[in-house]
Amino acid sequence: MDVLTQNFSLYANGFLGTVELTVYSGLLALAVGIVIAGFRVSPVRSLRVFGTAWVTVLRNTPLTLLFFAVLLGLPRFGIILPFKTFAVSALTAYTSAFICEAVRSGINTVPGGQGEAARSLGMTFGQTLSLVVMPQAFRAVIPPVGSTLIALAKNSAIAGSFSVTELLGTYRPLNELGYSIVWTFVWIAVGYLVITLSISALFNALEKHFGVAR
């Protein structure tokens, strides 16, 4: 307990840093992922190509490499932002590709007749997707989206290697102070467990509330 009690502020800052990265990146990834999923099923070929390229490139790019590309590449083009903003951007882009595929799989569970009926009533593609298809697909995508956001919380540990305050990075100063590396990582693991179990509980509650059997 001495590791935790004597360095509580350090652990708290790291914990809050991981929570911030997870929340900001998660919300942005949800928004971007839903838009890209709409591109993937769009009748406009150029949008489908863009959506496919986005998913293919990001899902097959190691997250660490994406961090290097964002944090070291963008400043070369004159884009200078705080490291945390760069980290959120990298995590958002990477996670959005997985959110997109989860949402697209949910869209595919909606019977095609639903969209055809909406179009026969004069609805546009955007109206059909947002008012008819997505509300029904939402129930099916809750579990995979929850799993993706749990993975995001753990992936945020990479940000610590780029001077961003997060939970895993707390082991460095504690190791330099001579604390037991085992107990240092035990409390780090407890912190991640709190975050991931909270996300899991939230999505379990959503699934019970919205996951109506069909």
Protein backbone atom coordinates (compact mmCIF):
# COMPACT_ATOMS: atom_id res chain seq x y z
CA MET A 1 0.00 0.00 0.00
CA ASP A 2 2.93 2.35 0.59
CA VAL A 3 3.48 2.72 -3.15
CA LEU A 4 -0.08 3.96 -3.58
CA THR A 5 -0.50 6.05 -0.44
CA GLN A 6 2.85 7.83 -0.76
CA ASN A 7 2.36 8.57 -4.45
CA PHE A 8 -1.39 8.95 -4.66
CA SER A 9 -1.26 12.26 -6.54
CA LEU A 10 1.02 10.72 -9.19
CA TYR A 11 -1.32 7.77 -9.66
CA ALA A 12 -4.35 10.09 -9.68
CA ASN A 13 -2.85 12.29 -12.40
CA GLY A 14 -2.02 9.24 -14.50
CA PHE A 15 -5.48 7.75 -13.94
CA LEU A 16 -7.24 11.00 -14.90
CA GLY A 17 -4.97 11.33 -17.93
CA THR A 18 -6.01 7.89 -19.16
CA VAL A 19 -9.68 8.67 -18.47
CA GLU A 20 -9.42 11.92 -20.46
CA LEU A 21 -7.73 10.20 -23.40
CA THR A 22 -10.37 7.46 -23.36
CA VAL A 23 -13.36 9.80 -23.10
CA TYR A 24 -12.22 12.37 -25.66
CA SER A 25 -10.96 9.79 -28.15
CA GLY A 26 -13.97 7.54 -27.59
CA LEU A 27 -16.54 10.26 -28.25
CA LEU A 28 -14.70 11.51 -31.34
CA ALA A 29 -14.16 7.97 -32.62
CA LEU A 30 -17.88 7.24 -32.26
CA ALA A 31 -18.76 10.34 -34.27
CA VAL A 32 -16.15 9.70 -36.99
CA GLY A 33 -16.86 5.96 -37.08
CA ILE A 34 -20.58 6.48 -37.63
CA VAL A 35 -19.90 8.95 -40.46
CA ILE A 36 -17.43 6.59 -42.12
CA ALA A 37 -19.91 3.71 -41.75
CA GLY A 38 -22.43 5.89 -43.59
CA PHE A 39 -19.83 6.41 -46.32
CA ARG A 40 -19.30 2.64 -46.53
CA VAL A 41 -22.95 1.97 -47.31
CA SER A 42 -23.53 5.13 -49.35
CA PRO A 43 -24.85 4.89 -52.93
CA VAL A 44 -22.15 7.42 -53.90
CA ARG A 45 -19.13 5.51 -55.17
CA SER A 46 -16.54 8.12 -54.18
CA LEU A 47 -17.75 8.04 -50.57
CA ARG A 48 -17.65 4.23 -50.52
CA VAL A 49 -14.09 4.30 -51.84
CA PHE A 50 -13.04 6.85 -49.22
CA GLY A 51 -14.67 4.86 -46.42
CA THR A 52 -13.08 1.61 -47.57
CA ALA A 53 -9.65 3.24 -47.83
CA TRP A 54 -10.00 4.80 -44.35
CA VAL A 55 -10.85 1.48 -42.74
CA THR A 56 -8.32 -0.57 -44.69
CA VAL A 57 -5.39 1.75 -44.00
CA LEU A 58 -6.09 2.42 -40.32
CA ARG A 59 -7.02 -1.12 -39.34
CA ASN A 60 -3.81 -2.42 -40.89
CA THR A 61 -1.50 0.26 -39.48
CA PRO A 62 0.15 -0.41 -36.10
CA LEU A 63 -1.05 2.14 -33.57
CA THR A 64 2.50 3.00 -32.54
CA LEU A 65 3.34 3.82 -36.16
CA LEU A 66 0.24 6.00 -36.36
CA PHE A 67 1.39 7.88 -33.26
CA PHE A 68 4.76 8.52 -34.89
CA ALA A 69 3.05 9.69 -38.08
CA VAL A 70 0.79 12.13 -36.19
CA LEU A 71 3.18 13.44 -33.53
CA LEU A 72 6.24 13.66 -35.76
CA GLY A 73 4.69 14.05 -39.21
CA LEU A 74 2.08 16.77 -38.74
CA PRO A 75 4.51 19.35 -37.25
CA ARG A 76 6.51 19.11 -40.49
CA PHE A 77 3.47 20.58 -42.23
CA GLY A 78 3.25 23.44 -39.74
CA ILE A 79 0.57 21.83 -37.57
CA ILE A 80 1.73 22.45 -34.01
CA LEU A 81 -0.59 21.25 -31.25
CA PRO A 82 -0.22 20.00 -27.66
CA PHE A 83 0.98 16.39 -27.42
CA LYS A 84 -2.30 15.36 -25.80
CA THR A 85 -4.24 16.69 -28.80
CA PHE A 86 -1.99 14.74 -31.15
CA ALA A 87 -2.50 11.62 -29.03
CA VAL A 88 -6.28 12.04 -29.07
CA SER A 89 -6.15 12.49 -32.86
CA ALA A 90 -4.17 9.28 -33.35
CA LEU A 91 -6.39 7.27 -31.00
CA THR A 92 -9.53 8.70 -32.60
CA ALA A 93 -8.48 7.86 -36.15
CA TYR A 94 -7.37 4.34 -35.22
CA THR A 95 -10.44 3.51 -33.13
CA SER A 96 -12.89 5.04 -35.62
CA ALA A 97 -11.98 2.36 -38.17
CA PHE A 98 -13.08 -0.37 -35.77
CA ILE A 99 -16.18 1.56 -34.71
CA CYS A 100 -17.05 1.94 -38.38
CA GLU A 101 -16.97 -1.80 -39.01
CA ALA A 102 -19.01 -2.49 -35.87
CA VAL A 103 -21.64 0.02 -36.99
CA ARG A 104 -21.62 -1.30 -40.55
CA SER A 105 -22.19 -4.83 -39.29
CA GLY A 106 -25.15 -3.50 -37.28
CA ILE A 107 -26.54 -1.78 -40.37
CA ASN A 108 -26.33 -5.09 -42.23
CA THR A 109 -28.56 -6.74 -39.60
CA VAL A 110 -31.45 -4.45 -40.57
CA PRO A 111 -33.65 -6.10 -43.24
CA GLY A 112 -33.21 -4.53 -46.65
CA GLY A 113 -36.97 -4.05 -46.92
CA GLN A 114 -36.80 -1.36 -44.26
CA GLY A 115 -34.64 0.85 -46.46
CA GLU A 116 -36.70 0.09 -49.55
CA ALA A 117 -39.90 1.04 -47.72
CA ALA A 118 -38.35 4.31 -46.56
CA ARG A 119 -37.18 5.18 -50.06
CA SER A 120 -40.64 4.37 -51.46
CA LEU A 121 -41.98 7.03 -49.11
CA GLY A 122 -39.64 9.58 -50.67
CA MET A 123 -36.95 9.62 -47.99
CA THR A 124 -33.41 10.48 -49.02
CA PHE A 125 -30.49 8.18 -48.25
CA GLY A 126 -29.49 10.35 -45.28
CA GLN A 127 -33.01 10.31 -43.86
CA THR A 128 -33.34 6.56 -44.37
CA LEU A 129 -30.02 5.90 -42.66
CA SER A 130 -30.51 8.25 -39.70
CA LEU A 131 -34.24 7.80 -39.08
CA VAL A 132 -34.91 4.19 -40.07
CA VAL A 133 -31.77 2.08 -40.25
CA MET A 134 -29.50 3.43 -37.50
CA PRO A 135 -32.08 3.34 -34.68
CA GLN A 136 -32.58 -0.36 -35.38
CA ALA A 137 -28.87 -1.06 -35.89
CA PHE A 138 -28.01 0.67 -32.61
CA ARG A 139 -29.13 -2.31 -30.55
CA ALA A 140 -26.86 -4.70 -32.41
CA VAL A 141 -23.72 -2.56 -32.19
CA ILE A 142 -23.70 -1.96 -28.42
CA PRO A 143 -21.55 -5.02 -27.48
CA PRO A 144 -18.86 -4.62 -30.18
CA VAL A 145 -18.62 -0.86 -29.64
CA GLY A 146 -18.19 -1.46 -25.91
CA SER A 147 -15.38 -3.93 -26.58
CA THR A 148 -13.72 -1.45 -28.92
CA LEU A 149 -13.80 1.31 -26.32
CA ILE A 150 -12.32 -1.03 -23.71
CA ALA A 151 -9.49 -1.72 -26.16
CA LEU A 152 -9.13 2.05 -26.63
CA ALA A 153 -8.61 2.55 -22.89
CA LYS A 154 -5.75 0.05 -22.98
CA ASN A 155 -4.33 1.40 -26.24
CA SER A 156 -4.05 4.85 -24.66
CA ALA A 157 -0.99 3.53 -22.77
CA ILE A 158 1.06 4.15 -25.93
CA ALA A 159 0.57 7.90 -25.43
CA GLY A 160 2.87 7.76 -22.41
CA SER A 161 5.82 7.13 -24.71
CA PHE A 162 5.13 10.51 -26.34
CA SER A 163 5.23 12.71 -23.22
CA VAL A 164 1.49 12.48 -22.55
CA THR A 165 0.37 11.96 -18.95
CA GLU A 166 -1.39 8.64 -18.58
CA LEU A 167 -1.57 5.75 -16.13
CA LEU A 168 1.10 3.36 -17.41
CA GLY A 169 3.69 6.14 -17.53
CA THR A 170 3.59 6.46 -13.73
CA TYR A 171 5.94 3.49 -13.41
CA ARG A 172 8.92 5.52 -14.66
CA PRO A 173 9.22 8.08 -11.83
CA LEU A 174 8.30 5.40 -9.27
CA ASN A 175 10.98 3.10 -10.62
CA GLU A 176 13.53 5.92 -10.38
CA LEU A 177 12.51 6.48 -6.75
CA GLY A 178 13.28 2.84 -6.00
CA TYR A 179 9.77 1.52 -5.38
CA SER A 180 8.99 -2.14 -6.04
CA ILE A 181 8.28 -2.54 -9.74
CA VAL A 182 5.84 -5.37 -8.96
CA TRP A 183 3.61 -3.27 -6.68
CA THR A 184 3.96 -0.29 -8.98
CA PHE A 185 2.40 -2.30 -11.79
CA VAL A 186 -0.17 -3.92 -9.49
CA TRP A 187 -1.72 -0.52 -8.77
CA ILE A 188 -1.46 0.48 -12.42
CA ALA A 189 -3.34 -2.70 -13.31
CA VAL A 190 -5.98 -1.87 -10.69
CA GLY A 191 -6.44 1.54 -12.31
CA TYR A 192 -6.96 0.04 -15.75
CA LEU A 193 -9.33 -2.53 -14.25
CA VAL A 194 -11.45 0.26 -12.77
CA ILE A 195 -11.65 2.01 -16.15
CA THR A 196 -12.42 -1.08 -18.22
CA LEU A 197 -14.98 -2.45 -15.75
CA SER A 198 -16.72 0.95 -15.72
CA ILE A 199 -16.97 0.93 -19.51
CA SER A 200 -18.18 -2.68 -19.43
CA ALA A 201 -20.84 -1.86 -16.82
CA LEU A 202 -22.04 1.12 -18.86
CA PHE A 203 -22.44 -0.90 -22.04
CA ASN A 204 -24.02 -3.84 -20.21
CA ALA A 205 -26.61 -1.40 -18.88
CA LEU A 206 -27.17 0.00 -22.38
CA GLU A 207 -27.51 -3.49 -23.80
CA LYS A 208 -30.09 -4.47 -21.20
CA HIS A 209 -32.07 -1.29 -21.81
CA PHE A 210 -31.94 -1.15 -25.61
CA GLY A 211 -31.04 -4.70 -26.65
CA VAL A 212 -34.54 -5.84 -27.42
CA ALA A 213 -34.67 -9.36 -28.85
CA ARG A 214 -35.93 -9.48 -32.43
